[in-house]
Amino acid sequence: MRKIGFLVFLIGLLSPFLGLAQQLPQFSHYAFNGQFISPGYAGIKGQTELNVLYRYQWLGYNASFDTGGSPKTALFTVSAPVTALKGGVGLVVMKDEIGPVDIFHAQLAYSYHVSLGGGTLGLGVQGGLTNMSKGGYRANEQGDVRVPFNSSDRKFDMGAGVWYQHDNWYAGAGITNLLGAVYEFENQAQDNNYGTVTGEKHLMVTGGYEAELSDAIDVVPTVLLKRDMSAGVTSVEAGARAIFNDKFWGGAGYRFGEAITGMLGVYLMKDNALSFGYAFDYTAVGTDAKSATSHEVILGYRLPKPRNNAKPPVRTPRYFF
């Protein structure tokens, strides 16, 4: 109960800083996406995890003219323990479409694990390439030479983060774009002031706690904070899901200043190795500029935990020490 109280306190503490802007791709299944949030998550569960996620935001939203419309995001993540490295490695591959902008992002992460307080602390770093493509812009004034061409730029950037995993609760944080990479796009005037995008630093902080209500039902409250460090804009979402007989889950949440979310999911195969989830968002704020609903699906697979094949010593009365 103290862990639940901490989550409630955290939400209250952050409330004065809430903003309405979206800084990063948002996922209603954020509680299943630790590797996206922090490189410290890599391998922290002691078994290899693979997740594939697709989000269609504001279904049916169309631009007033030309191309562009609903944001669409595809995400693939891997988290794997590596005993020889005293930690774990992770992979994040993402494709994000936002109107005339396409972003492809791939990064590798390493997390060093430390036993602490009955749990495991992961200290992580990550690095990768981001390719940003821009096109389809319409000039307000015909012949404006400052409108970018259909062009792209690729840059390297880094991130860092921590993750603490206990038996029934966790807390993690990650920061992106530590190098502040600048993406440059050509225009007819060759004026970089109108053709650059800076990769801003973003902070994400999350936490969750699993409480056993009965032999058949567990409840998991969760919270996520995202903050644009340059613009000073923060968004917070919180919710909870109930797990029934370790096979099915359902939950609800609220993204402050934007949407109400709901989710359903199921575990399949032996040891719940395979999982499938669906999330639905209903826009509660800003309905004049957004479509009413967003949809998201996630498919996850967990490999069995590595077995300890070391044979125990054979003890006899004669040679026992």
C-alpha atoms as a PDB file:
ATOM      1  CA  MET A   1       0.000   0.000   0.000  1.00  0.00           C
ATOM      2  CA  ARG A   2       2.916   2.362   0.597  1.00  0.00           C
ATOM      3  CA  LYS A   3       3.949   1.885  -3.052  1.00  0.00           C
ATOM      4  CA  ILE A   4       0.445   2.845  -4.248  1.00  0.00           C
ATOM      5  CA  GLY A   5       0.553   5.881  -1.983  1.00  0.00           C
ATOM      6  CA  PHE A   6       3.875   6.875  -3.513  1.00  0.00           C
ATOM      7  CA  LEU A   7       2.384   6.751  -7.030  1.00  0.00           C
ATOM      8  CA  VAL A   8      -0.570   8.902  -5.973  1.00  0.00           C
ATOM      9  CA  PHE A   9       1.822  11.365  -4.329  1.00  0.00           C
ATOM     10  CA  LEU A  10       3.944  11.493  -7.480  1.00  0.00           C
ATOM     11  CA  ILE A  11       0.917  12.317  -9.637  1.00  0.00           C
ATOM     12  CA  GLY A  12      -0.112  15.098  -7.266  1.00  0.00           C
ATOM     13  CA  LEU A  13       3.384  16.504  -7.160  1.00  0.00           C
ATOM     14  CA  LEU A  14       3.575  16.714 -10.953  1.00  0.00           C
ATOM     15  CA  SER A  15       0.098  18.134 -11.542  1.00  0.00           C
ATOM     16  CA  PRO A  16       1.114  21.845 -11.452  1.00  0.00           C
ATOM     17  CA  PHE A  17       3.530  21.220 -14.348  1.00  0.00           C
ATOM     18  CA  LEU A  18       1.129  19.521 -16.749  1.00  0.00           C
ATOM     19  CA  GLY A  19       1.151  20.700 -20.350  1.00  0.00           C
ATOM     20  CA  LEU A  20      -0.964  19.962 -23.397  1.00  0.00           C
ATOM     21  CA  ALA A  21       1.759  19.289 -25.941  1.00  0.00           C
ATOM     22  CA  GLN A  22       3.067  15.948 -27.125  1.00  0.00           C
ATOM     23  CA  GLN A  23       6.858  15.731 -27.122  1.00  0.00           C
ATOM     24  CA  LEU A  24       7.506  12.098 -28.100  1.00  0.00           C
ATOM     25  CA  PRO A  25       5.448   9.302 -29.626  1.00  0.00           C
ATOM     26  CA  GLN A  26       2.993   8.311 -26.938  1.00  0.00           C
ATOM     27  CA  PHE A  27       1.914   4.782 -26.171  1.00  0.00           C
ATOM     28  CA  SER A  28      -1.024   3.663 -24.080  1.00  0.00           C
ATOM     29  CA  HIS A  29       0.937   0.428 -23.461  1.00  0.00           C
ATOM     30  CA  TYR A  30       3.785   2.377 -21.834  1.00  0.00           C
ATOM     31  CA  ALA A  31       3.831  -0.091 -18.921  1.00  0.00           C
ATOM     32  CA  PHE A  32       4.895  -2.803 -21.405  1.00  0.00           C
ATOM     33  CA  ASN A  33       7.525  -0.585 -23.042  1.00  0.00           C
ATOM     34  CA  GLY A  34      10.314  -0.212 -20.494  1.00  0.00           C
ATOM     35  CA  GLN A  35      13.029  -0.477 -23.149  1.00  0.00           C
ATOM     36  CA  PHE A  36      11.603   2.558 -24.995  1.00  0.00           C
ATOM     37  CA  ILE A  37      11.523   4.582 -21.779  1.00  0.00           C
ATOM     38  CA  SER A  38      15.003   3.847 -20.403  1.00  0.00           C
ATOM     39  CA  PRO A  39      18.171   2.026 -21.505  1.00  0.00           C
ATOM     40  CA  GLY A  40      18.521   0.940 -17.875  1.00  0.00           C
ATOM     41  CA  TYR A  41      15.701  -1.541 -18.533  1.00  0.00           C
ATOM     42  CA  ALA A  42      17.844  -3.711 -20.839  1.00  0.00           C
ATOM     43  CA  GLY A  43      17.853  -7.278 -19.500  1.00  0.00           C
ATOM     44  CA  ILE A  44      16.506  -6.230 -16.112  1.00  0.00           C
ATOM     45  CA  LYS A  45      13.812  -8.965 -16.077  1.00  0.00           C
ATOM     46  CA  GLY A  46      16.396 -11.728 -16.414  1.00  0.00           C
ATOM     47  CA  GLN A  47      14.892 -13.062 -19.647  1.00  0.00           C
ATOM     48  CA  THR A  48      14.785 -11.973 -23.271  1.00  0.00           C
ATOM     49  CA  GLU A  49      11.704  -9.954 -24.229  1.00  0.00           C
ATOM     50  CA  LEU A  50      10.542  -8.934 -27.714  1.00  0.00           C
ATOM     51  CA  ASN A  51       7.701  -6.473 -28.361  1.00  0.00           C
ATOM     52  CA  VAL A  52       6.063  -5.265 -31.574  1.00  0.00           C
ATOM     53  CA  LEU A  53       3.670  -2.320 -31.296  1.00  0.00           C
ATOM     54  CA  TYR A  54       1.635  -0.295 -33.764  1.00  0.00           C
ATOM     55  CA  ARG A  55      -0.286   2.886 -32.931  1.00  0.00           C
ATOM     56  CA  TYR A  56      -2.763   4.747 -35.147  1.00  0.00           C
ATOM     57  CA  GLN A  57      -3.449   8.063 -33.448  1.00  0.00           C
ATOM     58  CA  TRP A  58      -6.597  10.123 -34.100  1.00  0.00           C
ATOM     59  CA  LEU A  59      -8.099   7.659 -36.558  1.00  0.00           C
ATOM     60  CA  GLY A  60      -9.669   9.383 -39.549  1.00  0.00           C
ATOM     61  CA  TYR A  61      -7.990  12.750 -39.028  1.00  0.00           C
ATOM     62  CA  ASN A  62      -7.039  14.343 -42.353  1.00  0.00           C
ATOM     63  CA  ALA A  63      -5.067  17.440 -43.248  1.00  0.00           C
ATOM     64  CA  SER A  64      -6.952  20.431 -44.663  1.00  0.00           C
ATOM     65  CA  PHE A  65      -5.141  19.973 -47.957  1.00  0.00           C
ATOM     66  CA  ASP A  66      -2.375  17.912 -49.546  1.00  0.00           C
ATOM     67  CA  THR A  67      -0.791  14.956 -47.729  1.00  0.00           C
ATOM     68  CA  GLY A  68      -0.534  14.377 -44.004  1.00  0.00           C
ATOM     69  CA  GLY A  69      -2.967  13.390 -41.312  1.00  0.00           C
ATOM     70  CA  SER A  70      -3.138  10.962 -38.424  1.00  0.00           C
ATOM     71  CA  PRO A  71       0.205  10.185 -36.715  1.00  0.00           C
ATOM     72  CA  LYS A  72       1.214   6.534 -37.090  1.00  0.00           C
ATOM     73  CA  THR A  73       3.977   4.810 -35.127  1.00  0.00           C
ATOM     74  CA  ALA A  74       5.501   1.342 -35.420  1.00  0.00           C
ATOM     75  CA  LEU A  75       7.863   0.157 -32.675  1.00  0.00           C
ATOM     76  CA  PHE A  76      10.038  -2.943 -32.174  1.00  0.00           C
ATOM     77  CA  THR A  77      12.017  -3.497 -28.972  1.00  0.00           C
ATOM     78  CA  VAL A  78      14.298  -6.214 -27.594  1.00  0.00           C
ATOM     79  CA  SER A  79      15.586  -6.556 -24.036  1.00  0.00           C
ATOM     80  CA  ALA A  80      18.023  -9.376 -23.229  1.00  0.00           C
ATOM     81  CA  PRO A  81      20.205 -10.270 -20.213  1.00  0.00           C
ATOM     82  CA  VAL A  82      23.897 -10.982 -20.923  1.00  0.00           C
ATOM     83  CA  THR A  83      25.643 -12.551 -17.930  1.00  0.00           C
ATOM     84  CA  ALA A  84      29.104 -12.067 -19.412  1.00  0.00           C
ATOM     85  CA  LEU A  85      28.491  -8.298 -19.541  1.00  0.00           C
ATOM     86  CA  LYS A  86      27.117  -8.191 -15.969  1.00  0.00           C
ATOM     87  CA  GLY A  87      23.947  -6.666 -17.311  1.00  0.00           C
ATOM     88  CA  GLY A  88      21.857  -6.632 -20.462  1.00  0.00           C
ATOM     89  CA  VAL A  89      21.508  -5.216 -23.958  1.00  0.00           C
ATOM     90  CA  GLY A  90      18.526  -3.643 -25.685  1.00  0.00           C
ATOM     91  CA  LEU A  91      17.365  -2.603 -29.135  1.00  0.00           C
ATOM     92  CA  VAL A  92      14.759  -0.036 -30.177  1.00  0.00           C
ATOM     93  CA  VAL A  93      13.635   0.395 -33.800  1.00  0.00           C
ATOM     94  CA  MET A  94      10.893   2.925 -34.518  1.00  0.00           C
ATOM     95  CA  LYS A  95       9.175   4.465 -37.525  1.00  0.00           C
ATOM     96  CA  ASP A  96       7.065   7.539 -36.822  1.00  0.00           C
ATOM     97  CA  GLU A  97       4.907   9.397 -39.349  1.00  0.00           C
ATOM     98  CA  ILE A  98       3.683  12.885 -38.394  1.00  0.00           C
ATOM     99  CA  GLY A  99       2.102  14.688 -41.332  1.00  0.00           C
ATOM    100  CA  PRO A 100       4.881  15.521 -43.818  1.00  0.00           C
ATOM    101  CA  VAL A 101       7.632  14.298 -41.469  1.00  0.00           C
ATOM    102  CA  ASP A 102       8.863  10.687 -41.398  1.00  0.00           C
ATOM    103  CA  ILE A 103      11.271   9.590 -38.654  1.00  0.00           C
ATOM    104  CA  PHE A 104      13.188   6.304 -38.592  1.00  0.00           C
ATOM    105  CA  HIS A 105      15.084   5.618 -35.388  1.00  0.00           C
ATOM    106  CA  ALA A 106      17.352   2.700 -34.389  1.00  0.00           C
ATOM    107  CA  GLN A 107      19.388   2.520 -31.183  1.00  0.00           C
ATOM    108  CA  LEU A 108      21.360   0.013 -29.117  1.00  0.00           C
ATOM    109  CA  ALA A 109      21.492   0.085 -25.325  1.00  0.00           C
ATOM    110  CA  TYR A 110      23.596  -1.450 -22.565  1.00  0.00           C
ATOM    111  CA  SER A 111      22.620  -1.676 -18.911  1.00  0.00           C
ATOM    112  CA  TYR A 112      24.954  -2.556 -16.045  1.00  0.00           C
ATOM    113  CA  HIS A 113      23.093  -4.410 -13.269  1.00  0.00           C
ATOM    114  CA  VAL A 114      23.678  -4.025  -9.539  1.00  0.00           C
ATOM    115  CA  SER A 115      21.899  -5.967  -6.783  1.00  0.00           C
ATOM    116  CA  LEU A 116      20.392  -3.431  -4.410  1.00  0.00           C
ATOM    117  CA  GLY A 117      17.842  -3.637  -1.592  1.00  0.00           C
ATOM    118  CA  GLY A 118      16.380  -6.965  -2.653  1.00  0.00           C
ATOM    119  CA  GLY A 119      15.999  -5.855  -6.267  1.00  0.00           C
ATOM    120  CA  THR A 120      18.121  -5.012  -9.304  1.00  0.00           C
ATOM    121  CA  LEU A 121      19.311  -1.566 -10.378  1.00  0.00           C
ATOM    122  CA  GLY A 122      20.129  -1.039 -14.059  1.00  0.00           C
ATOM    123  CA  LEU A 123      22.399   1.830 -15.158  1.00  0.00           C
ATOM    124  CA  GLY A 124      22.054   2.268 -18.901  1.00  0.00           C
ATOM    125  CA  VAL A 125      23.404   4.146 -21.902  1.00  0.00           C
ATOM    126  CA  GLN A 126      22.218   4.075 -25.501  1.00  0.00           C
ATOM    127  CA  GLY A 127      23.311   5.338 -28.880  1.00  0.00           C
ATOM    128  CA  GLY A 128      21.818   5.229 -32.321  1.00  0.00           C
ATOM    129  CA  LEU A 129      20.927   6.859 -35.603  1.00  0.00           C
ATOM    130  CA  THR A 130      17.846   8.875 -36.474  1.00  0.00           C
ATOM    131  CA  ASN A 131      16.845   9.612 -40.060  1.00  0.00           C
ATOM    132  CA  MET A 132      14.357  12.449 -40.454  1.00  0.00           C
ATOM    133  CA  SER A 133      12.640  13.104 -43.797  1.00  0.00           C
ATOM    134  CA  LYS A 134      10.574  16.205 -44.583  1.00  0.00           C
ATOM    135  CA  GLY A 135       8.425  16.926 -47.594  1.00  0.00           C
ATOM    136  CA  GLY A 136       4.990  17.895 -48.804  1.00  0.00           C
ATOM    137  CA  TYR A 137       5.091  21.474 -47.485  1.00  0.00           C
ATOM    138  CA  ARG A 138       2.872  24.127 -49.048  1.00  0.00           C
ATOM    139  CA  ALA A 139       4.121  27.741 -49.040  1.00  0.00           C
ATOM    140  CA  ASN A 140       1.795  30.441 -47.737  1.00  0.00           C
ATOM    141  CA  GLU A 141       3.146  32.636 -50.512  1.00  0.00           C
ATOM    142  CA  GLN A 142       3.715  31.092 -53.915  1.00  0.00           C
ATOM    143  CA  GLY A 143       7.399  30.875 -54.790  1.00  0.00           C
ATOM    144  CA  ASP A 144       8.655  31.197 -51.183  1.00  0.00           C
ATOM    145  CA  VAL A 145      12.301  30.099 -51.469  1.00  0.00           C
ATOM    146  CA  ARG A 146      12.546  29.218 -47.759  1.00  0.00           C
ATOM    147  CA  VAL A 147      10.163  26.243 -47.898  1.00  0.00           C
ATOM    148  CA  PRO A 148      12.249  23.028 -47.446  1.00  0.00           C
ATOM    149  CA  PHE A 149      12.612  20.564 -50.300  1.00  0.00           C
ATOM    150  CA  ASN A 150      11.652  16.917 -49.995  1.00  0.00           C
ATOM    151  CA  SER A 151      14.893  15.969 -48.249  1.00  0.00           C
ATOM    152  CA  SER A 152      16.268  14.016 -45.299  1.00  0.00           C
ATOM    153  CA  ASP A 153      19.112  14.086 -42.785  1.00  0.00           C
ATOM    154  CA  ARG A 154      20.651  11.431 -40.558  1.00  0.00           C
ATOM    155  CA  LYS A 155      22.319  12.045 -37.195  1.00  0.00           C
ATOM    156  CA  PHE A 156      23.812  10.086 -34.267  1.00  0.00           C
ATOM    157  CA  ASP A 157      22.624  10.806 -30.746  1.00  0.00           C
ATOM    158  CA  MET A 158      22.782   9.277 -27.281  1.00  0.00           C
ATOM    159  CA  GLY A 159      20.698   8.743 -24.181  1.00  0.00           C
ATOM    160  CA  ALA A 160      21.004   7.473 -20.612  1.00  0.00           C
ATOM    161  CA  GLY A 161      18.755   6.102 -17.917  1.00  0.00           C
ATOM    162  CA  VAL A 162      18.211   4.052 -14.774  1.00  0.00           C
ATOM    163  CA  TRP A 163      15.744   1.306 -13.865  1.00  0.00           C
ATOM    164  CA  TYR A 164      15.047  -0.378 -10.537  1.00  0.00           C
ATOM    165  CA  GLN A 165      13.167  -3.677 -10.604  1.00  0.00           C
ATOM    166  CA  HIS A 166      11.814  -5.300  -7.437  1.00  0.00           C
ATOM    167  CA  ASP A 167       9.620  -8.383  -7.100  1.00  0.00           C
ATOM    168  CA  ASN A 168       6.350  -6.452  -7.309  1.00  0.00           C
ATOM    169  CA  TRP A 169       7.250  -2.857  -8.145  1.00  0.00           C
ATOM    170  CA  TYR A 170       9.533  -0.855 -10.411  1.00  0.00           C
ATOM    171  CA  ALA A 171      10.702   2.683 -11.119  1.00  0.00           C
ATOM    172  CA  GLY A 172      12.657   3.992 -14.088  1.00  0.00           C
ATOM    173  CA  ALA A 173      13.805   7.120 -15.885  1.00  0.00           C
ATOM    174  CA  GLY A 174      15.492   7.927 -19.181  1.00  0.00           C
ATOM    175  CA  ILE A 175      16.681  10.992 -21.073  1.00  0.00           C
ATOM    176  CA  THR A 176      17.088  11.221 -24.846  1.00  0.00           C
ATOM    177  CA  ASN A 177      18.987  13.395 -27.348  1.00  0.00           C
ATOM    178  CA  LEU A 178      21.896  14.180 -25.038  1.00  0.00           C
ATOM    179  CA  LEU A 179      23.980  15.468 -27.970  1.00  0.00           C
ATOM    180  CA  GLY A 180      21.212  17.741 -29.274  1.00  0.00           C
ATOM    181  CA  ALA A 181      21.693  16.668 -32.894  1.00  0.00           C
ATOM    182  CA  VAL A 182      20.627  19.247 -35.498  1.00  0.00           C
ATOM    183  CA  TYR A 183      18.898  18.002 -38.662  1.00  0.00           C
ATOM    184  CA  GLU A 184      19.388  20.207 -41.704  1.00  0.00           C
ATOM    185  CA  PHE A 185      17.064  20.410 -44.725  1.00  0.00           C
ATOM    186  CA  GLU A 186      17.724  22.221 -47.963  1.00  0.00           C
ATOM    187  CA  ASN A 187      15.634  25.011 -49.398  1.00  0.00           C
ATOM    188  CA  GLN A 188      16.011  27.178 -52.462  1.00  0.00           C
ATOM    189  CA  ALA A 189      17.398  30.078 -50.443  1.00  0.00           C
ATOM    190  CA  GLN A 190      19.975  27.816 -48.746  1.00  0.00           C
ATOM    191  CA  ASP A 191      18.946  29.514 -45.475  1.00  0.00           C
ATOM    192  CA  ASN A 192      19.545  27.081 -42.586  1.00  0.00           C
ATOM    193  CA  ASN A 193      17.514  29.219 -40.208  1.00  0.00           C
ATOM    194  CA  TYR A 194      14.404  27.956 -42.004  1.00  0.00           C
ATOM    195  CA  GLY A 195      15.612  24.410 -42.661  1.00  0.00           C
ATOM    196  CA  THR A 196      16.791  22.921 -39.367  1.00  0.00           C
ATOM    197  CA  VAL A 197      15.228  20.840 -36.596  1.00  0.00           C
ATOM    198  CA  THR A 198      17.003  20.307 -33.273  1.00  0.00           C
ATOM    199  CA  GLY A 199      16.637  17.033 -31.402  1.00  0.00           C
ATOM    200  CA  GLU A 200      15.472  18.304 -28.020  1.00  0.00           C
ATOM    201  CA  LYS A 201      16.245  16.533 -24.749  1.00  0.00           C
ATOM    202  CA  HIS A 202      13.287  14.632 -23.345  1.00  0.00           C
ATOM    203  CA  LEU A 203      12.934  13.113 -19.888  1.00  0.00           C
ATOM    204  CA  MET A 204      10.650  10.171 -19.126  1.00  0.00           C
ATOM    205  CA  VAL A 205       9.931   8.900 -15.608  1.00  0.00           C
ATOM    206  CA  THR A 206       7.715   5.928 -14.791  1.00  0.00           C
ATOM    207  CA  GLY A 207       6.714   3.646 -11.947  1.00  0.00           C
ATOM    208  CA  GLY A 208       4.335   0.797 -11.167  1.00  0.00           C
ATOM    209  CA  TYR A 209       3.312  -1.558  -8.370  1.00  0.00           C
ATOM    210  CA  GLU A 210       1.593  -4.955  -8.488  1.00  0.00           C
ATOM    211  CA  ALA A 211      -0.831  -5.555  -5.619  1.00  0.00           C
ATOM    212  CA  GLU A 212      -2.435  -8.965  -5.010  1.00  0.00           C
ATOM    213  CA  LEU A 213      -6.116  -8.478  -4.201  1.00  0.00           C
ATOM    214  CA  SER A 214      -6.970 -12.194  -4.168  1.00  0.00           C
ATOM    215  CA  ASP A 215      -5.718 -15.531  -5.466  1.00  0.00           C
ATOM    216  CA  ALA A 216      -7.262 -14.665  -8.853  1.00  0.00           C
ATOM    217  CA  ILE A 217      -6.845 -10.890  -9.199  1.00  0.00           C
ATOM    218  CA  ASP A 218      -3.804  -8.607  -9.167  1.00  0.00           C
ATOM    219  CA  VAL A 219      -3.985  -4.844  -9.714  1.00  0.00           C
ATOM    220  CA  VAL A 220      -1.128  -2.824 -11.225  1.00  0.00           C
ATOM    221  CA  PRO A 221      -1.308   1.006 -10.936  1.00  0.00           C
ATOM    222  CA  THR A 222       1.191   2.846 -13.172  1.00  0.00           C
ATOM    223  CA  VAL A 223       2.277   6.397 -13.954  1.00  0.00           C
ATOM    224  CA  LEU A 224       4.364   8.021 -16.699  1.00  0.00           C
ATOM    225  CA  LEU A 225       5.816  11.534 -16.971  1.00  0.00           C
ATOM    226  CA  LYS A 226       7.265  12.988 -20.174  1.00  0.00           C
ATOM    227  CA  ARG A 227       8.999  16.357 -20.212  1.00  0.00           C
ATOM    228  CA  ASP A 228      10.480  18.431 -23.017  1.00  0.00           C
ATOM    229  CA  MET A 229      13.574  19.815 -21.283  1.00  0.00           C
ATOM    230  CA  SER A 230      13.949  22.735 -23.715  1.00  0.00           C
ATOM    231  CA  ALA A 231      10.342  23.857 -24.058  1.00  0.00           C
ATOM    232  CA  GLY A 232       9.554  23.148 -20.403  1.00  0.00           C
ATOM    233  CA  VAL A 233       6.392  21.241 -21.361  1.00  0.00           C
ATOM    234  CA  THR A 234       5.299  18.218 -19.328  1.00  0.00           C
ATOM    235  CA  SER A 235       2.632  15.579 -19.853  1.00  0.00           C
ATOM    236  CA  VAL A 236       1.537  12.973 -17.333  1.00  0.00           C
ATOM    237  CA  GLU A 237      -0.621   9.879 -17.634  1.00  0.00           C
ATOM    238  CA  ALA A 238      -1.709   7.425 -14.985  1.00  0.00           C
ATOM    239  CA  GLY A 239      -3.889   4.365 -14.786  1.00  0.00           C
ATOM    240  CA  ALA A 240      -4.225   0.793 -13.591  1.00  0.00           C
ATOM    241  CA  ARG A 241      -4.877  -2.643 -15.006  1.00  0.00           C
ATOM    242  CA  ALA A 242      -6.303  -5.750 -13.353  1.00  0.00           C
ATOM    243  CA  ILE A 243      -4.832  -9.176 -14.154  1.00  0.00           C
ATOM    244  CA  PHE A 244      -7.227 -12.132 -13.878  1.00  0.00           C
ATOM    245  CA  ASN A 245      -5.864 -15.630 -13.166  1.00  0.00           C
ATOM    246  CA  ASP A 246      -2.536 -14.592 -14.693  1.00  0.00           C
ATOM    247  CA  LYS A 247      -4.168 -14.933 -18.135  1.00  0.00           C
ATOM    248  CA  PHE A 248      -6.217 -11.843 -18.950  1.00  0.00           C
ATOM    249  CA  TRP A 249      -5.908  -8.160 -18.197  1.00  0.00           C
ATOM    250  CA  GLY A 250      -8.052  -5.073 -18.530  1.00  0.00           C
ATOM    251  CA  GLY A 251      -7.422  -1.506 -17.478  1.00  0.00           C
ATOM    252  CA  ALA A 252      -8.089   2.193 -17.832  1.00  0.00           C
ATOM    253  CA  GLY A 253      -6.148   5.424 -17.555  1.00  0.00           C
ATOM    254  CA  TYR A 254      -6.109   9.140 -18.202  1.00  0.00           C
ATOM    255  CA  ARG A 255      -3.603  11.201 -20.158  1.00  0.00           C
ATOM    256  CA  PHE A 256      -3.921  14.577 -18.423  1.00  0.00           C
ATOM    257  CA  GLY A 257      -5.192  17.269 -20.733  1.00  0.00           C
ATOM    258  CA  GLU A 258      -5.861  14.903 -23.612  1.00  0.00           C
ATOM    259  CA  ALA A 259      -7.489  11.470 -23.507  1.00  0.00           C
ATOM    260  CA  ILE A 260      -9.113   8.630 -21.592  1.00  0.00           C
ATOM    261  CA  THR A 261      -7.571   5.227 -22.298  1.00  0.00           C
ATOM    262  CA  GLY A 262      -8.710   1.628 -21.961  1.00  0.00           C
ATOM    263  CA  MET A 263      -6.982  -1.679 -22.650  1.00  0.00           C
ATOM    264  CA  LEU A 264      -7.577  -5.422 -22.893  1.00  0.00           C
ATOM    265  CA  GLY A 265      -5.052  -8.225 -23.219  1.00  0.00           C
ATOM    266  CA  VAL A 266      -4.355 -11.933 -22.934  1.00  0.00           C
ATOM    267  CA  TYR A 267      -1.378 -14.168 -22.134  1.00  0.00           C
ATOM    268  CA  LEU A 268      -0.899 -17.252 -24.285  1.00  0.00           C
ATOM    269  CA  MET A 269       1.360 -20.328 -24.540  1.00  0.00           C
ATOM    270  CA  LYS A 270       3.251 -22.071 -21.761  1.00  0.00           C
ATOM    271  CA  ASP A 271       4.434 -19.779 -18.935  1.00  0.00           C
ATOM    272  CA  ASN A 272       2.511 -16.892 -20.578  1.00  0.00           C
ATOM    273  CA  ALA A 273       5.362 -16.504 -23.052  1.00  0.00           C
ATOM    274  CA  LEU A 274       3.177 -14.859 -25.703  1.00  0.00           C
ATOM    275  CA  SER A 275       0.962 -11.849 -25.035  1.00  0.00           C
ATOM    276  CA  PHE A 276      -1.399  -9.705 -27.068  1.00  0.00           C
ATOM    277  CA  GLY A 277      -2.912  -6.371 -26.077  1.00  0.00           C
ATOM    278  CA  TYR A 278      -5.237  -3.748 -27.526  1.00  0.00           C
ATOM    279  CA  ALA A 279      -5.620  -0.166 -26.291  1.00  0.00           C
ATOM    280  CA  PHE A 280      -8.279   2.414 -27.133  1.00  0.00           C
ATOM    281  CA  ASP A 281      -7.989   6.161 -26.549  1.00  0.00           C
ATOM    282  CA  TYR A 282     -10.932   8.557 -26.486  1.00  0.00           C
ATOM    283  CA  THR A 283     -10.032  12.217 -26.979  1.00  0.00           C
ATOM    284  CA  ALA A 284     -11.346  14.273 -24.064  1.00  0.00           C
ATOM    285  CA  VAL A 285      -9.606  17.617 -24.710  1.00  0.00           C
ATOM    286  CA  GLY A 286      -9.007  19.486 -27.973  1.00  0.00           C
ATOM    287  CA  THR A 287     -11.692  17.638 -29.910  1.00  0.00           C
ATOM    288  CA  ASP A 288     -11.960  20.444 -32.492  1.00  0.00           C
ATOM    289  CA  ALA A 289      -8.412  19.756 -33.695  1.00  0.00           C
ATOM    290  CA  LYS A 290      -8.274  15.954 -33.248  1.00  0.00           C
ATOM    291  CA  SER A 291     -10.293  12.901 -34.172  1.00  0.00           C
ATOM    292  CA  ALA A 292     -12.145  11.162 -31.382  1.00  0.00           C
ATOM    293  CA  THR A 293     -10.265   7.876 -31.140  1.00  0.00           C
ATOM    294  CA  SER A 294      -6.790   6.341 -31.266  1.00  0.00           C
ATOM    295  CA  HIS A 295      -5.973   2.619 -31.497  1.00  0.00           C
ATOM    296  CA  GLU A 296      -2.942   0.587 -30.496  1.00  0.00           C
ATOM    297  CA  VAL A 297      -1.970  -3.094 -30.584  1.00  0.00           C
ATOM    298  CA  ILE A 298       1.032  -4.829 -29.017  1.00  0.00           C
ATOM    299  CA  LEU A 299       2.431  -8.336 -29.429  1.00  0.00           C
ATOM    300  CA  GLY A 300       5.020  -9.581 -26.950  1.00  0.00           C
ATOM    301  CA  TYR A 301       7.120 -12.714 -26.550  1.00  0.00           C
ATOM    302  CA  ARG A 302       9.338 -13.766 -23.654  1.00  0.00           C
ATOM    303  CA  LEU A 303      11.995 -16.444 -23.920  1.00  0.00           C
ATOM    304  CA  PRO A 304      12.442 -18.771 -20.920  1.00  0.00           C
ATOM    305  CA  LYS A 305      14.894 -17.609 -18.291  1.00  0.00           C
ATOM    306  CA  PRO A 306      18.376 -19.112 -18.720  1.00  0.00           C
ATOM    307  CA  ARG A 307      18.859 -22.261 -16.650  1.00  0.00           C
ATOM    308  CA  ASN A 308      21.712 -22.711 -14.246  1.00  0.00           C
ATOM    309  CA  ASN A 309      23.400 -25.846 -15.585  1.00  0.00           C
ATOM    310  CA  ALA A 310      26.091 -25.974 -12.912  1.00  0.00           C
ATOM    311  CA  LYS A 311      25.962 -29.304 -11.067  1.00  0.00           C
ATOM    312  CA  PRO A 312      25.829 -29.167  -7.259  1.00  0.00           C
ATOM    313  CA  PRO A 313      28.822 -30.650  -5.439  1.00  0.00           C
ATOM    314  CA  VAL A 314      28.507 -34.271  -4.299  1.00  0.00           C
ATOM    315  CA  ARG A 315      29.039 -34.478  -0.567  1.00  0.00           C
ATOM    316  CA  THR A 316      30.003 -37.638   1.368  1.00  0.00           C
ATOM    317  CA  PRO A 317      30.742 -38.140   5.092  1.00  0.00           C
ATOM    318  CA  ARG A 318      34.387 -38.920   4.269  1.00  0.00           C
ATOM    319  CA  TYR A 319      35.067 -35.809   2.177  1.00  0.00           C
ATOM    320  CA  PHE A 320      32.590 -33.318   3.614  1.00  0.00           C
ATOM    321  CA  PHE A 321      34.081 -29.964   4.619  1.00  0.00           C
END
